[in-house]
Amino acid sequence: MTEKADATQENTGKQSRKPLVAGNWKMHGQKEQIQEVLAIRDALMAMPNRPKADVMICPPATLLMVMAELIDKSVIAFGGQDCHAFEKGPHTGDISAAMLKDAGASAVIVGHSERREDHGETDDLVQKKAMATHNAGLASIICVGETKGQRQYDLTLDVINRQLEGSVPPESTPQNTIIAYEPVWAIGTGLVPTLDDIATVHANIRETLEKRFPEHAAGMRILYGGSVKPGNAGQLMKVENVDGALVGGASLKADDFMKIINVYGSDKKTPPPDPKQSVK
């Protein structure tokens, strides 16, 4: 079988940025939801060639291990939705990056706006969590984005630059760091910025990364998230510097998620997956 997507990139440069379509299930999903993942697996296996985009699902922690073990030999990678900044210790109810890796994760979402708002997470804490994922050998998907009020006062780029400066660790590389731009006001609302607005923000993120990481920025993937659906994914994914999507509600249904993945088509230069060959 072809190698499982692991949310990392081996090379730098624009041409090496393989798109990533990641599904964030948030606080949704129980055992019956596993059937949706199996349907996604079967749909990917039925493709004549490997999809051009890497595919990831970030389920609730209660389902991570069983899902990762159930479809271990698929091209689907799994990620956590959050982690603690410490590797271990007396932190009841928390999960460390090392635990997520042990459960089968290859990446962790950190700094999602719902964590920043619901739990008061600061940029400094988000950076510590990102560093924890790196120390555990995982990639971090670091989320940034402005609120509706900040956008109305024309503070979008200022807010995002501050979040990038405070949330992205200094040792970040294309191998361990992915940025996800999610305008807070668009998440789950059905509202989407204009394509020009998205292009402006993503270009700004790329420029900011280039200033901090001149040797690595060109290879870092920048995802767009915020009401990504089958009906708009085609246009959104064509925007310059949009290297894939962080998908919310549409990732809960196999049919919708596959339609977004299929925006990128498949790579005819690679053979189809071989289910008998281990990825390890």
C-alpha atoms as a PDB file:
ATOM      1  CA  MET A   1       0.000   0.000   0.000  1.00  0.00           C
ATOM      2  CA  THR A   2       1.104   3.562  -0.510  1.00  0.00           C
ATOM      3  CA  GLU A   3       2.406   5.335   2.559  1.00  0.00           C
ATOM      4  CA  LYS A   4      -0.134   6.687   5.031  1.00  0.00           C
ATOM      5  CA  ALA A   5      -0.470  10.448   5.155  1.00  0.00           C
ATOM      6  CA  ASP A   6       1.268  11.737   8.279  1.00  0.00           C
ATOM      7  CA  ALA A   7       0.591  15.476   8.025  1.00  0.00           C
ATOM      8  CA  THR A   8       4.236  16.214   7.242  1.00  0.00           C
ATOM      9  CA  GLN A   9       6.126  17.335   4.173  1.00  0.00           C
ATOM     10  CA  GLU A  10       9.624  16.112   3.371  1.00  0.00           C
ATOM     11  CA  ASN A  11      10.609  19.035   1.122  1.00  0.00           C
ATOM     12  CA  THR A  12      10.154  22.767   1.102  1.00  0.00           C
ATOM     13  CA  GLY A  13       8.914  24.969  -1.707  1.00  0.00           C
ATOM     14  CA  LYS A  14       5.546  25.667  -3.234  1.00  0.00           C
ATOM     15  CA  GLN A  15       5.500  22.608  -5.472  1.00  0.00           C
ATOM     16  CA  SER A  16       6.082  20.296  -2.518  1.00  0.00           C
ATOM     17  CA  ARG A  17       3.036  21.428  -0.539  1.00  0.00           C
ATOM     18  CA  LYS A  18       0.698  18.496  -0.899  1.00  0.00           C
ATOM     19  CA  PRO A  19      -2.859  19.547   0.006  1.00  0.00           C
ATOM     20  CA  LEU A  20      -4.340  18.306   3.266  1.00  0.00           C
ATOM     21  CA  VAL A  21      -8.046  17.824   3.912  1.00  0.00           C
ATOM     22  CA  ALA A  22      -8.543  17.388   7.649  1.00  0.00           C
ATOM     23  CA  GLY A  23     -11.863  16.758   9.353  1.00  0.00           C
ATOM     24  CA  ASN A  24     -12.393  18.197  12.830  1.00  0.00           C
ATOM     25  CA  TRP A  25     -15.254  16.304  14.430  1.00  0.00           C
ATOM     26  CA  LYS A  26     -15.236  18.485  17.544  1.00  0.00           C
ATOM     27  CA  MET A  27     -17.556  17.130  20.284  1.00  0.00           C
ATOM     28  CA  HIS A  28     -19.445  14.869  17.898  1.00  0.00           C
ATOM     29  CA  GLY A  29     -19.295  11.132  17.355  1.00  0.00           C
ATOM     30  CA  GLN A  30     -19.954   7.907  19.216  1.00  0.00           C
ATOM     31  CA  LYS A  31     -19.297   4.312  18.232  1.00  0.00           C
ATOM     32  CA  GLU A  32     -21.871   4.279  15.441  1.00  0.00           C
ATOM     33  CA  GLN A  33     -19.985   7.145  13.785  1.00  0.00           C
ATOM     34  CA  ILE A  34     -17.172   4.716  13.003  1.00  0.00           C
ATOM     35  CA  GLN A  35     -19.280   3.580  10.059  1.00  0.00           C
ATOM     36  CA  GLU A  36     -18.706   6.962   8.435  1.00  0.00           C
ATOM     37  CA  VAL A  37     -14.942   6.488   8.679  1.00  0.00           C
ATOM     38  CA  LEU A  38     -15.244   3.012   7.192  1.00  0.00           C
ATOM     39  CA  ALA A  39     -17.249   4.514   4.334  1.00  0.00           C
ATOM     40  CA  ILE A  40     -14.525   7.101   3.754  1.00  0.00           C
ATOM     41  CA  ARG A  41     -11.924   4.339   3.810  1.00  0.00           C
ATOM     42  CA  ASP A  42     -13.872   2.272   1.291  1.00  0.00           C
ATOM     43  CA  ALA A  43     -14.383   5.263  -0.992  1.00  0.00           C
ATOM     44  CA  LEU A  44     -10.666   6.048  -0.932  1.00  0.00           C
ATOM     45  CA  MET A  45      -9.804   2.407  -1.599  1.00  0.00           C
ATOM     46  CA  ALA A  46     -12.191   2.401  -4.547  1.00  0.00           C
ATOM     47  CA  MET A  47     -10.341   5.288  -6.194  1.00  0.00           C
ATOM     48  CA  PRO A  48      -8.242   4.032  -9.115  1.00  0.00           C
ATOM     49  CA  ASN A  49      -5.241   5.970  -7.776  1.00  0.00           C
ATOM     50  CA  ARG A  50      -4.112   7.602  -4.576  1.00  0.00           C
ATOM     51  CA  PRO A  51      -5.876  10.933  -3.825  1.00  0.00           C
ATOM     52  CA  LYS A  52      -3.772  14.004  -4.511  1.00  0.00           C
ATOM     53  CA  ALA A  53      -4.639  15.359  -1.079  1.00  0.00           C
ATOM     54  CA  ASP A  54      -3.583  13.894   2.240  1.00  0.00           C
ATOM     55  CA  VAL A  55      -6.595  12.915   4.326  1.00  0.00           C
ATOM     56  CA  MET A  56      -6.939  13.255   8.086  1.00  0.00           C
ATOM     57  CA  ILE A  57      -9.736  12.843  10.603  1.00  0.00           C
ATOM     58  CA  CYS A  58      -9.611  14.316  14.101  1.00  0.00           C
ATOM     59  CA  PRO A  59     -12.298  12.469  16.078  1.00  0.00           C
ATOM     60  CA  PRO A  60     -13.048  12.855  19.788  1.00  0.00           C
ATOM     61  CA  ALA A  61     -10.370  11.237  21.923  1.00  0.00           C
ATOM     62  CA  THR A  62     -12.756   8.437  22.922  1.00  0.00           C
ATOM     63  CA  LEU A  63     -12.769   7.158  19.334  1.00  0.00           C
ATOM     64  CA  LEU A  64      -9.206   7.846  18.270  1.00  0.00           C
ATOM     65  CA  MET A  65      -7.569   4.560  19.178  1.00  0.00           C
ATOM     66  CA  VAL A  66     -10.313   2.282  17.895  1.00  0.00           C
ATOM     67  CA  MET A  67     -10.504   4.184  14.603  1.00  0.00           C
ATOM     68  CA  ALA A  68      -6.736   4.239  14.117  1.00  0.00           C
ATOM     69  CA  GLU A  69      -6.475   0.512  14.771  1.00  0.00           C
ATOM     70  CA  LEU A  70      -9.520  -0.364  12.696  1.00  0.00           C
ATOM     71  CA  ILE A  71      -8.184   1.165   9.492  1.00  0.00           C
ATOM     72  CA  ASP A  72      -4.472   1.061  10.206  1.00  0.00           C
ATOM     73  CA  LYS A  73      -3.620   0.102   6.624  1.00  0.00           C
ATOM     74  CA  SER A  74      -5.545   2.913   4.944  1.00  0.00           C
ATOM     75  CA  VAL A  75      -4.287   6.256   3.655  1.00  0.00           C
ATOM     76  CA  ILE A  76      -6.263   8.060   6.368  1.00  0.00           C
ATOM     77  CA  ALA A  77      -4.253   9.744   9.102  1.00  0.00           C
ATOM     78  CA  PHE A  78      -5.700  10.580  12.496  1.00  0.00           C
ATOM     79  CA  GLY A  79      -5.229  13.576  14.741  1.00  0.00           C
ATOM     80  CA  GLY A  80      -6.155  14.824  18.179  1.00  0.00           C
ATOM     81  CA  GLN A  81      -8.281  17.907  18.787  1.00  0.00           C
ATOM     82  CA  ASP A  82      -6.208  19.299  21.644  1.00  0.00           C
ATOM     83  CA  CYS A  83      -3.486  18.334  24.111  1.00  0.00           C
ATOM     84  CA  HIS A  84      -1.974  19.448  27.386  1.00  0.00           C
ATOM     85  CA  ALA A  85       1.238  21.447  27.379  1.00  0.00           C
ATOM     86  CA  PHE A  86       2.920  18.919  29.680  1.00  0.00           C
ATOM     87  CA  GLU A  87       3.953  15.384  28.788  1.00  0.00           C
ATOM     88  CA  LYS A  88       2.417  13.910  31.956  1.00  0.00           C
ATOM     89  CA  GLY A  89       1.452  14.806  35.492  1.00  0.00           C
ATOM     90  CA  PRO A  90      -1.437  15.509  37.882  1.00  0.00           C
ATOM     91  CA  HIS A  91      -3.812  17.046  35.343  1.00  0.00           C
ATOM     92  CA  THR A  92      -7.125  15.235  35.711  1.00  0.00           C
ATOM     93  CA  GLY A  93      -9.141  15.042  32.522  1.00  0.00           C
ATOM     94  CA  ASP A  94      -6.333  16.219  30.254  1.00  0.00           C
ATOM     95  CA  ILE A  95      -4.579  14.285  27.481  1.00  0.00           C
ATOM     96  CA  SER A  96      -0.933  14.674  26.536  1.00  0.00           C
ATOM     97  CA  ALA A  97       0.500  14.696  23.036  1.00  0.00           C
ATOM     98  CA  ALA A  98       2.423  11.518  23.883  1.00  0.00           C
ATOM     99  CA  MET A  99      -0.861   9.793  24.769  1.00  0.00           C
ATOM    100  CA  LEU A 100      -2.398  10.888  21.474  1.00  0.00           C
ATOM    101  CA  LYS A 101       0.580   9.543  19.565  1.00  0.00           C
ATOM    102  CA  ASP A 102       0.278   6.266  21.464  1.00  0.00           C
ATOM    103  CA  ALA A 103      -3.388   6.119  20.416  1.00  0.00           C
ATOM    104  CA  GLY A 104      -2.491   6.475  16.735  1.00  0.00           C
ATOM    105  CA  ALA A 105      -2.447  10.225  16.095  1.00  0.00           C
ATOM    106  CA  SER A 106       0.058  11.874  13.774  1.00  0.00           C
ATOM    107  CA  ALA A 107      -1.020  15.468  14.462  1.00  0.00           C
ATOM    108  CA  VAL A 108      -2.878  17.606  16.986  1.00  0.00           C
ATOM    109  CA  ILE A 109      -5.082  20.660  16.470  1.00  0.00           C
ATOM    110  CA  VAL A 110      -4.048  23.445  18.862  1.00  0.00           C
ATOM    111  CA  GLY A 111      -5.374  26.958  19.328  1.00  0.00           C
ATOM    112  CA  HIS A 112      -8.779  26.381  17.778  1.00  0.00           C
ATOM    113  CA  SER A 113     -10.979  29.411  18.374  1.00  0.00           C
ATOM    114  CA  GLU A 114     -13.392  27.293  20.399  1.00  0.00           C
ATOM    115  CA  ARG A 115     -10.537  26.429  22.770  1.00  0.00           C
ATOM    116  CA  ARG A 116      -9.398  30.039  22.871  1.00  0.00           C
ATOM    117  CA  GLU A 117     -12.945  31.238  23.641  1.00  0.00           C
ATOM    118  CA  ASP A 118     -14.352  28.403  25.795  1.00  0.00           C
ATOM    119  CA  HIS A 119     -11.185  27.850  27.833  1.00  0.00           C
ATOM    120  CA  GLY A 120      -9.456  31.210  27.648  1.00  0.00           C
ATOM    121  CA  GLU A 121      -6.392  29.825  25.897  1.00  0.00           C
ATOM    122  CA  THR A 122      -3.732  32.438  25.200  1.00  0.00           C
ATOM    123  CA  ASP A 123      -1.213  32.560  22.377  1.00  0.00           C
ATOM    124  CA  ASP A 124       1.499  31.608  24.865  1.00  0.00           C
ATOM    125  CA  LEU A 125      -0.392  28.496  25.956  1.00  0.00           C
ATOM    126  CA  VAL A 126      -1.103  27.545  22.343  1.00  0.00           C
ATOM    127  CA  GLN A 127       2.607  27.783  21.569  1.00  0.00           C
ATOM    128  CA  LYS A 128       3.434  25.555  24.545  1.00  0.00           C
ATOM    129  CA  LYS A 129       0.906  22.998  23.321  1.00  0.00           C
ATOM    130  CA  ALA A 130       2.386  23.142  19.824  1.00  0.00           C
ATOM    131  CA  MET A 131       5.839  22.580  21.292  1.00  0.00           C
ATOM    132  CA  ALA A 132       4.468  19.605  23.228  1.00  0.00           C
ATOM    133  CA  THR A 133       3.192  18.054  19.998  1.00  0.00           C
ATOM    134  CA  HIS A 134       6.585  18.578  18.368  1.00  0.00           C
ATOM    135  CA  ASN A 135       8.376  17.016  21.326  1.00  0.00           C
ATOM    136  CA  ALA A 136       6.091  14.002  21.020  1.00  0.00           C
ATOM    137  CA  GLY A 137       6.973  13.600  17.349  1.00  0.00           C
ATOM    138  CA  LEU A 138       3.632  14.898  16.085  1.00  0.00           C
ATOM    139  CA  ALA A 139       2.668  17.763  13.805  1.00  0.00           C
ATOM    140  CA  SER A 140       0.672  20.672  15.147  1.00  0.00           C
ATOM    141  CA  ILE A 141      -2.212  22.245  13.255  1.00  0.00           C
ATOM    142  CA  ILE A 142      -2.140  25.759  14.709  1.00  0.00           C
ATOM    143  CA  CYS A 143      -5.378  27.700  14.262  1.00  0.00           C
ATOM    144  CA  VAL A 144      -5.618  31.460  13.843  1.00  0.00           C
ATOM    145  CA  GLY A 145      -8.544  33.701  12.999  1.00  0.00           C
ATOM    146  CA  GLU A 146     -10.423  36.880  13.799  1.00  0.00           C
ATOM    147  CA  THR A 147     -13.836  37.463  15.397  1.00  0.00           C
ATOM    148  CA  LYS A 148     -16.658  39.303  13.682  1.00  0.00           C
ATOM    149  CA  GLY A 149     -16.000  42.419  15.744  1.00  0.00           C
ATOM    150  CA  GLN A 150     -12.297  42.402  14.944  1.00  0.00           C
ATOM    151  CA  ARG A 151     -13.099  42.067  11.270  1.00  0.00           C
ATOM    152  CA  GLN A 152     -15.571  44.943  11.393  1.00  0.00           C
ATOM    153  CA  TYR A 153     -12.866  47.180  12.852  1.00  0.00           C
ATOM    154  CA  ASP A 154     -10.406  46.119  10.133  1.00  0.00           C
ATOM    155  CA  LEU A 155      -8.177  44.295  12.631  1.00  0.00           C
ATOM    156  CA  THR A 156      -8.043  40.947  10.843  1.00  0.00           C
ATOM    157  CA  LEU A 157      -4.397  41.016   9.793  1.00  0.00           C
ATOM    158  CA  ASP A 158      -3.265  42.561  13.074  1.00  0.00           C
ATOM    159  CA  VAL A 159      -4.996  39.815  15.059  1.00  0.00           C
ATOM    160  CA  ILE A 160      -3.648  37.028  12.861  1.00  0.00           C
ATOM    161  CA  ASN A 161      -0.100  38.384  12.913  1.00  0.00           C
ATOM    162  CA  ARG A 162      -0.250  38.569  16.704  1.00  0.00           C
ATOM    163  CA  GLN A 163      -1.525  35.008  16.908  1.00  0.00           C
ATOM    164  CA  LEU A 164       1.154  33.762  14.537  1.00  0.00           C
ATOM    165  CA  GLU A 165       3.884  35.518  16.496  1.00  0.00           C
ATOM    166  CA  GLY A 166       2.654  34.205  19.832  1.00  0.00           C
ATOM    167  CA  SER A 167       1.364  30.773  18.897  1.00  0.00           C
ATOM    168  CA  VAL A 168       3.905  29.346  16.420  1.00  0.00           C
ATOM    169  CA  PRO A 169       7.044  27.883  18.059  1.00  0.00           C
ATOM    170  CA  PRO A 170      10.427  29.171  16.873  1.00  0.00           C
ATOM    171  CA  GLU A 171      11.570  25.694  15.769  1.00  0.00           C
ATOM    172  CA  SER A 172       8.587  25.165  13.441  1.00  0.00           C
ATOM    173  CA  THR A 173       9.187  23.462  10.093  1.00  0.00           C
ATOM    174  CA  PRO A 174       7.040  22.062   7.272  1.00  0.00           C
ATOM    175  CA  GLN A 175       7.466  18.678   8.935  1.00  0.00           C
ATOM    176  CA  ASN A 176       5.917  19.647  12.257  1.00  0.00           C
ATOM    177  CA  THR A 177       3.714  22.680  11.649  1.00  0.00           C
ATOM    178  CA  ILE A 178       0.566  23.426   9.665  1.00  0.00           C
ATOM    179  CA  ILE A 179      -1.348  26.700   9.940  1.00  0.00           C
ATOM    180  CA  ALA A 180      -5.137  26.796   9.691  1.00  0.00           C
ATOM    181  CA  TYR A 181      -6.904  30.101   9.061  1.00  0.00           C
ATOM    182  CA  GLU A 182     -10.429  29.942  10.422  1.00  0.00           C
ATOM    183  CA  PRO A 183     -12.331  33.228  10.681  1.00  0.00           C
ATOM    184  CA  VAL A 184     -14.244  32.755  13.934  1.00  0.00           C
ATOM    185  CA  TRP A 185     -17.388  34.352  12.561  1.00  0.00           C
ATOM    186  CA  ALA A 186     -17.522  31.812   9.691  1.00  0.00           C
ATOM    187  CA  ILE A 187     -17.205  28.619  11.749  1.00  0.00           C
ATOM    188  CA  GLY A 188     -20.473  26.704  11.628  1.00  0.00           C
ATOM    189  CA  THR A 189     -22.437  29.741  10.458  1.00  0.00           C
ATOM    190  CA  GLY A 190     -22.565  29.092   6.724  1.00  0.00           C
ATOM    191  CA  LEU A 191     -20.865  32.443   6.177  1.00  0.00           C
ATOM    192  CA  VAL A 192     -17.659  32.470   4.139  1.00  0.00           C
ATOM    193  CA  PRO A 193     -15.243  35.345   3.391  1.00  0.00           C
ATOM    194  CA  THR A 194     -14.886  36.388  -0.213  1.00  0.00           C
ATOM    195  CA  LEU A 195     -12.222  34.604  -2.226  1.00  0.00           C
ATOM    196  CA  ASP A 196     -10.258  37.865  -2.374  1.00  0.00           C
ATOM    197  CA  ASP A 197     -10.418  38.190   1.409  1.00  0.00           C
ATOM    198  CA  ILE A 198      -9.153  34.639   1.873  1.00  0.00           C
ATOM    199  CA  ALA A 199      -6.363  35.229  -0.635  1.00  0.00           C
ATOM    200  CA  THR A 200      -5.316  38.388   1.227  1.00  0.00           C
ATOM    201  CA  VAL A 201      -5.207  36.648   4.607  1.00  0.00           C
ATOM    202  CA  HIS A 202      -3.356  33.593   3.334  1.00  0.00           C
ATOM    203  CA  ALA A 203      -0.828  35.765   1.491  1.00  0.00           C
ATOM    204  CA  ASN A 204      -0.289  37.688   4.728  1.00  0.00           C
ATOM    205  CA  ILE A 205       0.221  34.453   6.663  1.00  0.00           C
ATOM    206  CA  ARG A 206       2.753  33.267   4.087  1.00  0.00           C
ATOM    207  CA  GLU A 207       4.594  36.588   4.233  1.00  0.00           C
ATOM    208  CA  THR A 208       4.646  36.557   8.033  1.00  0.00           C
ATOM    209  CA  LEU A 209       5.975  33.011   8.064  1.00  0.00           C
ATOM    210  CA  GLU A 210       8.650  33.959   5.532  1.00  0.00           C
ATOM    211  CA  LYS A 211       9.932  36.673   7.846  1.00  0.00           C
ATOM    212  CA  ARG A 212      10.232  34.270  10.785  1.00  0.00           C
ATOM    213  CA  PHE A 213      11.160  31.098   8.923  1.00  0.00           C
ATOM    214  CA  PRO A 214      12.867  32.137   5.677  1.00  0.00           C
ATOM    215  CA  GLU A 215      14.200  28.633   5.043  1.00  0.00           C
ATOM    216  CA  HIS A 216      10.953  26.805   5.793  1.00  0.00           C
ATOM    217  CA  ALA A 217       7.957  29.059   5.119  1.00  0.00           C
ATOM    218  CA  ALA A 218       7.559  28.101   1.469  1.00  0.00           C
ATOM    219  CA  GLY A 219       6.936  24.489   2.454  1.00  0.00           C
ATOM    220  CA  MET A 220       4.481  25.132   5.289  1.00  0.00           C
ATOM    221  CA  ARG A 221       0.895  24.295   4.499  1.00  0.00           C
ATOM    222  CA  ILE A 222      -1.836  26.844   5.222  1.00  0.00           C
ATOM    223  CA  LEU A 223      -5.353  25.418   5.442  1.00  0.00           C
ATOM    224  CA  TYR A 224      -8.620  27.305   5.210  1.00  0.00           C
ATOM    225  CA  GLY A 225     -11.456  26.461   7.575  1.00  0.00           C
ATOM    226  CA  GLY A 226     -14.869  27.966   8.207  1.00  0.00           C
ATOM    227  CA  SER A 227     -18.056  26.541   6.673  1.00  0.00           C
ATOM    228  CA  VAL A 228     -16.189  24.505   4.048  1.00  0.00           C
ATOM    229  CA  LYS A 229     -18.779  22.403   2.236  1.00  0.00           C
ATOM    230  CA  PRO A 230     -18.981  20.318  -0.946  1.00  0.00           C
ATOM    231  CA  GLY A 231     -20.658  23.219  -2.706  1.00  0.00           C
ATOM    232  CA  ASN A 232     -17.906  25.779  -2.085  1.00  0.00           C
ATOM    233  CA  ALA A 233     -14.788  23.638  -1.649  1.00  0.00           C
ATOM    234  CA  GLY A 234     -13.882  23.745  -5.336  1.00  0.00           C
ATOM    235  CA  GLN A 235     -13.586  27.535  -5.366  1.00  0.00           C
ATOM    236  CA  LEU A 236     -11.992  27.814  -1.921  1.00  0.00           C
ATOM    237  CA  MET A 237      -9.264  25.276  -2.639  1.00  0.00           C
ATOM    238  CA  LYS A 238      -8.189  27.124  -5.810  1.00  0.00           C
ATOM    239  CA  VAL A 239      -7.264  30.272  -3.910  1.00  0.00           C
ATOM    240  CA  GLU A 240      -3.536  31.075  -3.891  1.00  0.00           C
ATOM    241  CA  ASN A 241      -1.764  29.842  -0.746  1.00  0.00           C
ATOM    242  CA  VAL A 242      -4.716  27.685   0.298  1.00  0.00           C
ATOM    243  CA  ASP A 243      -3.131  24.264   0.744  1.00  0.00           C
ATOM    244  CA  GLY A 244      -6.222  22.361   1.840  1.00  0.00           C
ATOM    245  CA  ALA A 245      -9.049  22.597   4.326  1.00  0.00           C
ATOM    246  CA  LEU A 246      -9.866  22.103   7.981  1.00  0.00           C
ATOM    247  CA  VAL A 247     -13.435  20.860   7.695  1.00  0.00           C
ATOM    248  CA  GLY A 248     -15.999  20.881  10.489  1.00  0.00           C
ATOM    249  CA  GLY A 249     -19.556  19.615  10.098  1.00  0.00           C
ATOM    250  CA  ALA A 250     -19.088  18.390   6.531  1.00  0.00           C
ATOM    251  CA  SER A 251     -16.459  15.888   7.734  1.00  0.00           C
ATOM    252  CA  LEU A 252     -19.033  13.997   9.801  1.00  0.00           C
ATOM    253  CA  LYS A 253     -20.671  12.528   6.708  1.00  0.00           C
ATOM    254  CA  ALA A 254     -18.608  10.323   4.410  1.00  0.00           C
ATOM    255  CA  ASP A 255     -20.346  11.522   1.250  1.00  0.00           C
ATOM    256  CA  ASP A 256     -19.784  15.211   2.003  1.00  0.00           C
ATOM    257  CA  PHE A 257     -16.186  14.704   3.127  1.00  0.00           C
ATOM    258  CA  MET A 258     -15.336  12.663   0.035  1.00  0.00           C
ATOM    259  CA  LYS A 259     -16.739  15.371  -2.223  1.00  0.00           C
ATOM    260  CA  ILE A 260     -14.326  17.832  -0.647  1.00  0.00           C
ATOM    261  CA  ILE A 261     -11.402  15.403  -0.953  1.00  0.00           C
ATOM    262  CA  ASN A 262     -12.326  14.760  -4.583  1.00  0.00           C
ATOM    263  CA  VAL A 263     -11.888  18.443  -5.388  1.00  0.00           C
ATOM    264  CA  TYR A 264      -8.206  17.572  -5.720  1.00  0.00           C
ATOM    265  CA  GLY A 265      -8.748  14.404  -7.764  1.00  0.00           C
ATOM    266  CA  SER A 266      -6.245  11.558  -7.746  1.00  0.00           C
ATOM    267  CA  ASP A 267      -2.641  11.157  -8.810  1.00  0.00           C
ATOM    268  CA  LYS A 268      -2.521   9.001 -11.937  1.00  0.00           C
ATOM    269  CA  LYS A 269       1.219   8.524 -11.548  1.00  0.00           C
ATOM    270  CA  THR A 270       0.876   6.353  -8.451  1.00  0.00           C
ATOM    271  CA  PRO A 271      -0.562   2.837  -8.173  1.00  0.00           C
ATOM    272  CA  PRO A 272      -3.764   2.194  -6.233  1.00  0.00           C
ATOM    273  CA  PRO A 273      -3.449   1.233  -2.549  1.00  0.00           C
ATOM    274  CA  ASP A 274      -2.584  -2.367  -1.786  1.00  0.00           C
ATOM    275  CA  PRO A 275      -4.577  -3.431   1.312  1.00  0.00           C
ATOM    276  CA  LYS A 276      -2.235  -6.372   1.926  1.00  0.00           C
ATOM    277  CA  GLN A 277       0.860  -4.239   2.401  1.00  0.00           C
ATOM    278  CA  SER A 278       1.549  -2.746   5.819  1.00  0.00           C
ATOM    279  CA  VAL A 279       2.354   0.946   6.115  1.00  0.00           C
ATOM    280  CA  LYS A 280       4.628   0.363   9.083  1.00  0.00           C
END
